[in-house]
Amino acid sequence: MAEELHPDIESIVLSEEDIHGIVSRLGEEISRDYEGKNPLCVAVLKGAVVFTADIMRAITVPMAIDFMAVSSYGEGVKSSGVVRIVKDLDTKIEGRDVLILEDILDSGLTLNYLIRNLQARNPKSVRIATFLVKDIEGKKPAVAPSYVGAHVPDAFIVGYGLDYAERYRNLPYIGVLKPEVYEK
């Protein structure tokens, strides 16, 4: 079935079907790598909540989950460069295998800060599973994820948890937002 395009969306980058395939593949990879372990999956709110709900069902090994919220964007479209923890973990991670679940990796600066913060708590390991990596010409992210769902172009994308001003998270696909929506 063809997906109905929201009027603010220019084009679809990843369909619902594409997303399902990506999540299934990542679930298999994570399950294989964490066999015999009990990882703590740390969802980075708010963007990763949809991905987290799906990937949890695709992971077949025992796991626990906790949430963190970090902010570096505010209401804008570019990172402010200042990272703050809005919601910290409720779980102690010392000696635990930690898997950070992220929606999209672009510069990686916020995620780099988060990794350093978590490593200071002495976990056994810290790895990253990101649903998307934004390919920005001439720039390499500050962190290298262990698991990557898909690469997307350097465009303003929304849907499947990704937002602009808290809108479009509920779209079942990843789409490019029309510039006139955010260039007001």
C-alpha atoms as a PDB file:
ATOM      1  CA  MET A   1       0.000   0.000   0.000  1.00  0.00           C
ATOM      2  CA  ALA A   2       1.370   3.419  -0.934  1.00  0.00           C
ATOM      3  CA  GLU A   3       1.890   5.767   1.970  1.00  0.00           C
ATOM      4  CA  GLU A   4      -0.046   8.999   1.988  1.00  0.00           C
ATOM      5  CA  LEU A   5       2.320  11.935   1.884  1.00  0.00           C
ATOM      6  CA  HIS A   6       1.824  14.584   4.562  1.00  0.00           C
ATOM      7  CA  PRO A   7       1.398  18.015   2.906  1.00  0.00           C
ATOM      8  CA  ASP A   8       4.582  19.318   4.619  1.00  0.00           C
ATOM      9  CA  ILE A   9       6.707  16.446   3.283  1.00  0.00           C
ATOM     10  CA  GLU A  10       8.634  16.859   0.037  1.00  0.00           C
ATOM     11  CA  SER A  11       9.540  13.183  -0.456  1.00  0.00           C
ATOM     12  CA  ILE A  12       9.840   9.856   1.358  1.00  0.00           C
ATOM     13  CA  VAL A  13      13.388   8.670   2.077  1.00  0.00           C
ATOM     14  CA  LEU A  14      12.490   5.423   3.884  1.00  0.00           C
ATOM     15  CA  SER A  15       9.086   3.756   3.675  1.00  0.00           C
ATOM     16  CA  GLU A  16       7.363   1.843   6.470  1.00  0.00           C
ATOM     17  CA  GLU A  17       8.483  -1.359   4.762  1.00  0.00           C
ATOM     18  CA  ASP A  18      12.104  -0.123   4.590  1.00  0.00           C
ATOM     19  CA  ILE A  19      11.995   0.753   8.298  1.00  0.00           C
ATOM     20  CA  HIS A  20      10.643  -2.672   9.234  1.00  0.00           C
ATOM     21  CA  GLY A  21      13.479  -4.367   7.328  1.00  0.00           C
ATOM     22  CA  ILE A  22      16.117  -2.155   8.963  1.00  0.00           C
ATOM     23  CA  VAL A  23      14.776  -2.807  12.466  1.00  0.00           C
ATOM     24  CA  SER A  24      14.646  -6.573  11.837  1.00  0.00           C
ATOM     25  CA  ARG A  25      18.260  -6.619  10.610  1.00  0.00           C
ATOM     26  CA  LEU A  26      19.498  -4.516  13.539  1.00  0.00           C
ATOM     27  CA  GLY A  27      17.602  -6.718  16.002  1.00  0.00           C
ATOM     28  CA  GLU A  28      19.339  -9.808  14.612  1.00  0.00           C
ATOM     29  CA  GLU A  29      22.781  -8.164  14.772  1.00  0.00           C
ATOM     30  CA  ILE A  30      22.297  -6.899  18.334  1.00  0.00           C
ATOM     31  CA  SER A  31      20.854 -10.234  19.512  1.00  0.00           C
ATOM     32  CA  ARG A  32      23.820 -12.109  18.039  1.00  0.00           C
ATOM     33  CA  ASP A  33      26.396  -9.771  19.582  1.00  0.00           C
ATOM     34  CA  TYR A  34      24.770  -9.728  23.030  1.00  0.00           C
ATOM     35  CA  GLU A  35      24.091 -13.475  23.239  1.00  0.00           C
ATOM     36  CA  GLY A  36      24.604 -14.595  26.856  1.00  0.00           C
ATOM     37  CA  LYS A  37      24.585 -11.003  28.126  1.00  0.00           C
ATOM     38  CA  ASN A  38      21.876  -8.784  29.595  1.00  0.00           C
ATOM     39  CA  PRO A  39      22.467  -5.352  28.052  1.00  0.00           C
ATOM     40  CA  LEU A  40      20.936  -2.164  29.337  1.00  0.00           C
ATOM     41  CA  CYS A  41      19.459  -0.347  26.367  1.00  0.00           C
ATOM     42  CA  VAL A  42      19.475   3.397  26.911  1.00  0.00           C
ATOM     43  CA  ALA A  43      16.973   5.214  24.729  1.00  0.00           C
ATOM     44  CA  VAL A  44      17.797   8.824  23.976  1.00  0.00           C
ATOM     45  CA  LEU A  45      14.545  10.758  24.261  1.00  0.00           C
ATOM     46  CA  LYS A  46      12.510  11.942  22.588  1.00  0.00           C
ATOM     47  CA  GLY A  47      13.520  11.072  19.039  1.00  0.00           C
ATOM     48  CA  ALA A  48      14.540   7.465  19.660  1.00  0.00           C
ATOM     49  CA  VAL A  49      11.325   6.393  21.380  1.00  0.00           C
ATOM     50  CA  VAL A  50       9.678   4.957  18.239  1.00  0.00           C
ATOM     51  CA  PHE A  51      12.876   3.161  17.168  1.00  0.00           C
ATOM     52  CA  THR A  52      13.323   1.902  20.741  1.00  0.00           C
ATOM     53  CA  ALA A  53       9.834   0.418  20.893  1.00  0.00           C
ATOM     54  CA  ASP A  54      10.429  -1.437  17.627  1.00  0.00           C
ATOM     55  CA  ILE A  55      14.021  -2.575  18.271  1.00  0.00           C
ATOM     56  CA  MET A  56      13.091  -3.933  21.731  1.00  0.00           C
ATOM     57  CA  ARG A  57      10.655  -6.315  20.043  1.00  0.00           C
ATOM     58  CA  ALA A  58      13.308  -7.315  17.496  1.00  0.00           C
ATOM     59  CA  ILE A  59      15.991  -8.129  20.115  1.00  0.00           C
ATOM     60  CA  THR A  60      15.726 -11.749  21.251  1.00  0.00           C
ATOM     61  CA  VAL A  61      18.184 -11.748  24.180  1.00  0.00           C
ATOM     62  CA  PRO A  62      17.262 -10.637  27.716  1.00  0.00           C
ATOM     63  CA  MET A  63      17.635  -6.877  28.067  1.00  0.00           C
ATOM     64  CA  ALA A  64      16.692  -4.007  30.299  1.00  0.00           C
ATOM     65  CA  ILE A  65      15.802  -0.474  29.286  1.00  0.00           C
ATOM     66  CA  ASP A  66      16.231   3.008  30.684  1.00  0.00           C
ATOM     67  CA  PHE A  67      15.899   6.492  29.267  1.00  0.00           C
ATOM     68  CA  MET A  68      17.936   9.668  29.039  1.00  0.00           C
ATOM     69  CA  ALA A  69      16.977  13.003  27.583  1.00  0.00           C
ATOM     70  CA  VAL A  70      19.676  15.349  26.395  1.00  0.00           C
ATOM     71  CA  SER A  71      19.255  18.648  24.654  1.00  0.00           C
ATOM     72  CA  SER A  72      21.448  20.620  22.313  1.00  0.00           C
ATOM     73  CA  TYR A  73      18.898  21.913  19.828  1.00  0.00           C
ATOM     74  CA  GLY A  74      16.208  23.798  21.708  1.00  0.00           C
ATOM     75  CA  GLU A  75      13.615  24.994  19.189  1.00  0.00           C
ATOM     76  CA  GLY A  76      16.103  25.494  16.351  1.00  0.00           C
ATOM     77  CA  VAL A  77      17.203  23.374  13.425  1.00  0.00           C
ATOM     78  CA  LYS A  78      20.933  23.404  14.230  1.00  0.00           C
ATOM     79  CA  SER A  79      22.681  22.187  17.387  1.00  0.00           C
ATOM     80  CA  SER A  80      23.432  24.945  19.868  1.00  0.00           C
ATOM     81  CA  GLY A  81      26.656  23.155  20.834  1.00  0.00           C
ATOM     82  CA  VAL A  82      25.697  23.235  24.518  1.00  0.00           C
ATOM     83  CA  VAL A  83      24.597  19.836  25.812  1.00  0.00           C
ATOM     84  CA  ARG A  84      22.515  19.418  28.920  1.00  0.00           C
ATOM     85  CA  ILE A  85      21.034  16.303  30.513  1.00  0.00           C
ATOM     86  CA  VAL A  86      17.315  16.862  30.887  1.00  0.00           C
ATOM     87  CA  LYS A  87      16.553  13.364  32.271  1.00  0.00           C
ATOM     88  CA  ASP A  88      19.221  11.062  33.655  1.00  0.00           C
ATOM     89  CA  LEU A  89      19.209   7.280  34.016  1.00  0.00           C
ATOM     90  CA  ASP A  90      17.378   5.648  36.915  1.00  0.00           C
ATOM     91  CA  THR A  91      19.595   2.540  36.605  1.00  0.00           C
ATOM     92  CA  LYS A  92      23.158   2.168  37.860  1.00  0.00           C
ATOM     93  CA  ILE A  93      25.352   1.112  34.939  1.00  0.00           C
ATOM     94  CA  GLU A  94      28.588   0.168  36.688  1.00  0.00           C
ATOM     95  CA  GLY A  95      29.753  -3.167  35.258  1.00  0.00           C
ATOM     96  CA  ARG A  96      26.864  -3.290  32.738  1.00  0.00           C
ATOM     97  CA  ASP A  97      26.933  -3.615  28.960  1.00  0.00           C
ATOM     98  CA  VAL A  98      25.231  -0.422  27.782  1.00  0.00           C
ATOM     99  CA  LEU A  99      23.710  -0.013  24.338  1.00  0.00           C
ATOM    100  CA  ILE A 100      22.687   3.550  23.486  1.00  0.00           C
ATOM    101  CA  LEU A 101      19.695   3.690  21.139  1.00  0.00           C
ATOM    102  CA  GLU A 102      19.684   6.855  19.032  1.00  0.00           C
ATOM    103  CA  ASP A 103      17.388   8.075  16.273  1.00  0.00           C
ATOM    104  CA  ILE A 104      19.880   9.929  14.063  1.00  0.00           C
ATOM    105  CA  LEU A 105      23.570  10.705  14.089  1.00  0.00           C
ATOM    106  CA  ASP A 106      24.757  13.841  12.300  1.00  0.00           C
ATOM    107  CA  SER A 107      27.680  15.728  13.901  1.00  0.00           C
ATOM    108  CA  GLY A 108      27.852  13.243  16.786  1.00  0.00           C
ATOM    109  CA  LEU A 109      28.805  15.965  19.271  1.00  0.00           C
ATOM    110  CA  THR A 110      25.833  15.388  21.573  1.00  0.00           C
ATOM    111  CA  LEU A 111      26.326  11.620  21.441  1.00  0.00           C
ATOM    112  CA  ASN A 112      30.056  12.031  22.112  1.00  0.00           C
ATOM    113  CA  TYR A 113      29.221  14.016  25.254  1.00  0.00           C
ATOM    114  CA  LEU A 114      26.724  11.351  26.312  1.00  0.00           C
ATOM    115  CA  ILE A 115      29.242   8.532  25.815  1.00  0.00           C
ATOM    116  CA  ARG A 116      31.871  10.319  27.917  1.00  0.00           C
ATOM    117  CA  ASN A 117      29.276  10.936  30.619  1.00  0.00           C
ATOM    118  CA  LEU A 118      28.250   7.262  30.696  1.00  0.00           C
ATOM    119  CA  GLN A 119      31.830   5.941  30.549  1.00  0.00           C
ATOM    120  CA  ALA A 120      32.609   7.946  33.697  1.00  0.00           C
ATOM    121  CA  ARG A 121      30.115   5.667  35.480  1.00  0.00           C
ATOM    122  CA  ASN A 122      32.300   2.585  34.807  1.00  0.00           C
ATOM    123  CA  PRO A 123      30.101   0.397  32.627  1.00  0.00           C
ATOM    124  CA  LYS A 124      31.532  -2.836  31.210  1.00  0.00           C
ATOM    125  CA  SER A 125      30.974  -1.497  27.677  1.00  0.00           C
ATOM    126  CA  VAL A 126      29.203   1.303  25.827  1.00  0.00           C
ATOM    127  CA  ARG A 127      28.071   0.820  22.240  1.00  0.00           C
ATOM    128  CA  ILE A 128      25.742   2.769  19.967  1.00  0.00           C
ATOM    129  CA  ALA A 129      22.874   1.614  17.776  1.00  0.00           C
ATOM    130  CA  THR A 130      21.623   4.455  15.614  1.00  0.00           C
ATOM    131  CA  PHE A 131      18.678   4.142  13.318  1.00  0.00           C
ATOM    132  CA  LEU A 132      20.073   6.722  10.883  1.00  0.00           C
ATOM    133  CA  VAL A 133      23.366   8.378   9.998  1.00  0.00           C
ATOM    134  CA  LYS A 134      23.102  11.653   8.112  1.00  0.00           C
ATOM    135  CA  ASP A 135      25.730  11.844   5.376  1.00  0.00           C
ATOM    136  CA  ILE A 136      27.123  15.375   5.477  1.00  0.00           C
ATOM    137  CA  GLU A 137      29.642  16.119   2.736  1.00  0.00           C
ATOM    138  CA  GLY A 138      33.140  16.734   4.101  1.00  0.00           C
ATOM    139  CA  LYS A 139      32.170  15.878   7.696  1.00  0.00           C
ATOM    140  CA  LYS A 140      32.613  12.700   9.669  1.00  0.00           C
ATOM    141  CA  PRO A 141      30.594  12.172  12.877  1.00  0.00           C
ATOM    142  CA  ALA A 142      32.480  12.544  16.174  1.00  0.00           C
ATOM    143  CA  VAL A 143      31.505   8.969  17.129  1.00  0.00           C
ATOM    144  CA  ALA A 144      31.393   5.654  15.290  1.00  0.00           C
ATOM    145  CA  PRO A 145      28.269   3.612  16.004  1.00  0.00           C
ATOM    146  CA  SER A 146      28.455  -0.160  16.306  1.00  0.00           C
ATOM    147  CA  TYR A 147      25.084  -0.557  14.589  1.00  0.00           C
ATOM    148  CA  VAL A 148      23.722   1.609  11.763  1.00  0.00           C
ATOM    149  CA  GLY A 149      20.260   1.214  10.322  1.00  0.00           C
ATOM    150  CA  ALA A 150      20.619   3.354   7.217  1.00  0.00           C
ATOM    151  CA  HIS A 151      22.390   6.380   5.787  1.00  0.00           C
ATOM    152  CA  VAL A 152      20.279   9.359   4.752  1.00  0.00           C
ATOM    153  CA  PRO A 153      21.069  12.468   2.745  1.00  0.00           C
ATOM    154  CA  ASP A 154      21.912  15.815   4.321  1.00  0.00           C
ATOM    155  CA  ALA A 155      18.341  17.096   4.313  1.00  0.00           C
ATOM    156  CA  PHE A 156      15.887  18.057   7.043  1.00  0.00           C
ATOM    157  CA  ILE A 157      14.187  14.727   7.692  1.00  0.00           C
ATOM    158  CA  VAL A 158      11.282  13.924   9.980  1.00  0.00           C
ATOM    159  CA  GLY A 159       9.036  11.019  10.855  1.00  0.00           C
ATOM    160  CA  TYR A 160       9.425   7.760  12.784  1.00  0.00           C
ATOM    161  CA  GLY A 161      10.296   9.722  15.940  1.00  0.00           C
ATOM    162  CA  LEU A 162      12.244  12.551  14.306  1.00  0.00           C
ATOM    163  CA  ASP A 163      10.649  15.955  14.606  1.00  0.00           C
ATOM    164  CA  TYR A 164      10.669  19.597  13.787  1.00  0.00           C
ATOM    165  CA  ALA A 165       9.338  21.720  16.694  1.00  0.00           C
ATOM    166  CA  GLU A 166       7.766  18.580  18.219  1.00  0.00           C
ATOM    167  CA  ARG A 167       5.772  17.823  15.051  1.00  0.00           C
ATOM    168  CA  TYR A 168       5.887  14.926  12.567  1.00  0.00           C
ATOM    169  CA  ARG A 169       7.224  12.286  15.035  1.00  0.00           C
ATOM    170  CA  ASN A 170       4.149  10.140  14.351  1.00  0.00           C
ATOM    171  CA  LEU A 171       4.702   9.809  10.603  1.00  0.00           C
ATOM    172  CA  PRO A 172       5.236   6.102   9.809  1.00  0.00           C
ATOM    173  CA  TYR A 173       8.001   6.872   7.296  1.00  0.00           C
ATOM    174  CA  ILE A 174      11.127   9.057   7.075  1.00  0.00           C
ATOM    175  CA  GLY A 175      10.507  12.043   4.862  1.00  0.00           C
ATOM    176  CA  VAL A 176      12.194  15.263   3.787  1.00  0.00           C
ATOM    177  CA  LEU A 177      10.498  18.306   5.276  1.00  0.00           C
ATOM    178  CA  LYS A 178       9.695  21.065   2.792  1.00  0.00           C
ATOM    179  CA  PRO A 179      12.075  24.020   3.382  1.00  0.00           C
ATOM    180  CA  GLU A 180       9.231  26.533   3.560  1.00  0.00           C
ATOM    181  CA  VAL A 181       8.060  24.813   6.758  1.00  0.00           C
ATOM    182  CA  TYR A 182      11.257  25.513   8.732  1.00  0.00           C
ATOM    183  CA  GLU A 183      12.594  28.599   6.935  1.00  0.00           C
ATOM    184  CA  LYS A 184       9.808  30.849   8.234  1.00  0.00           C
END
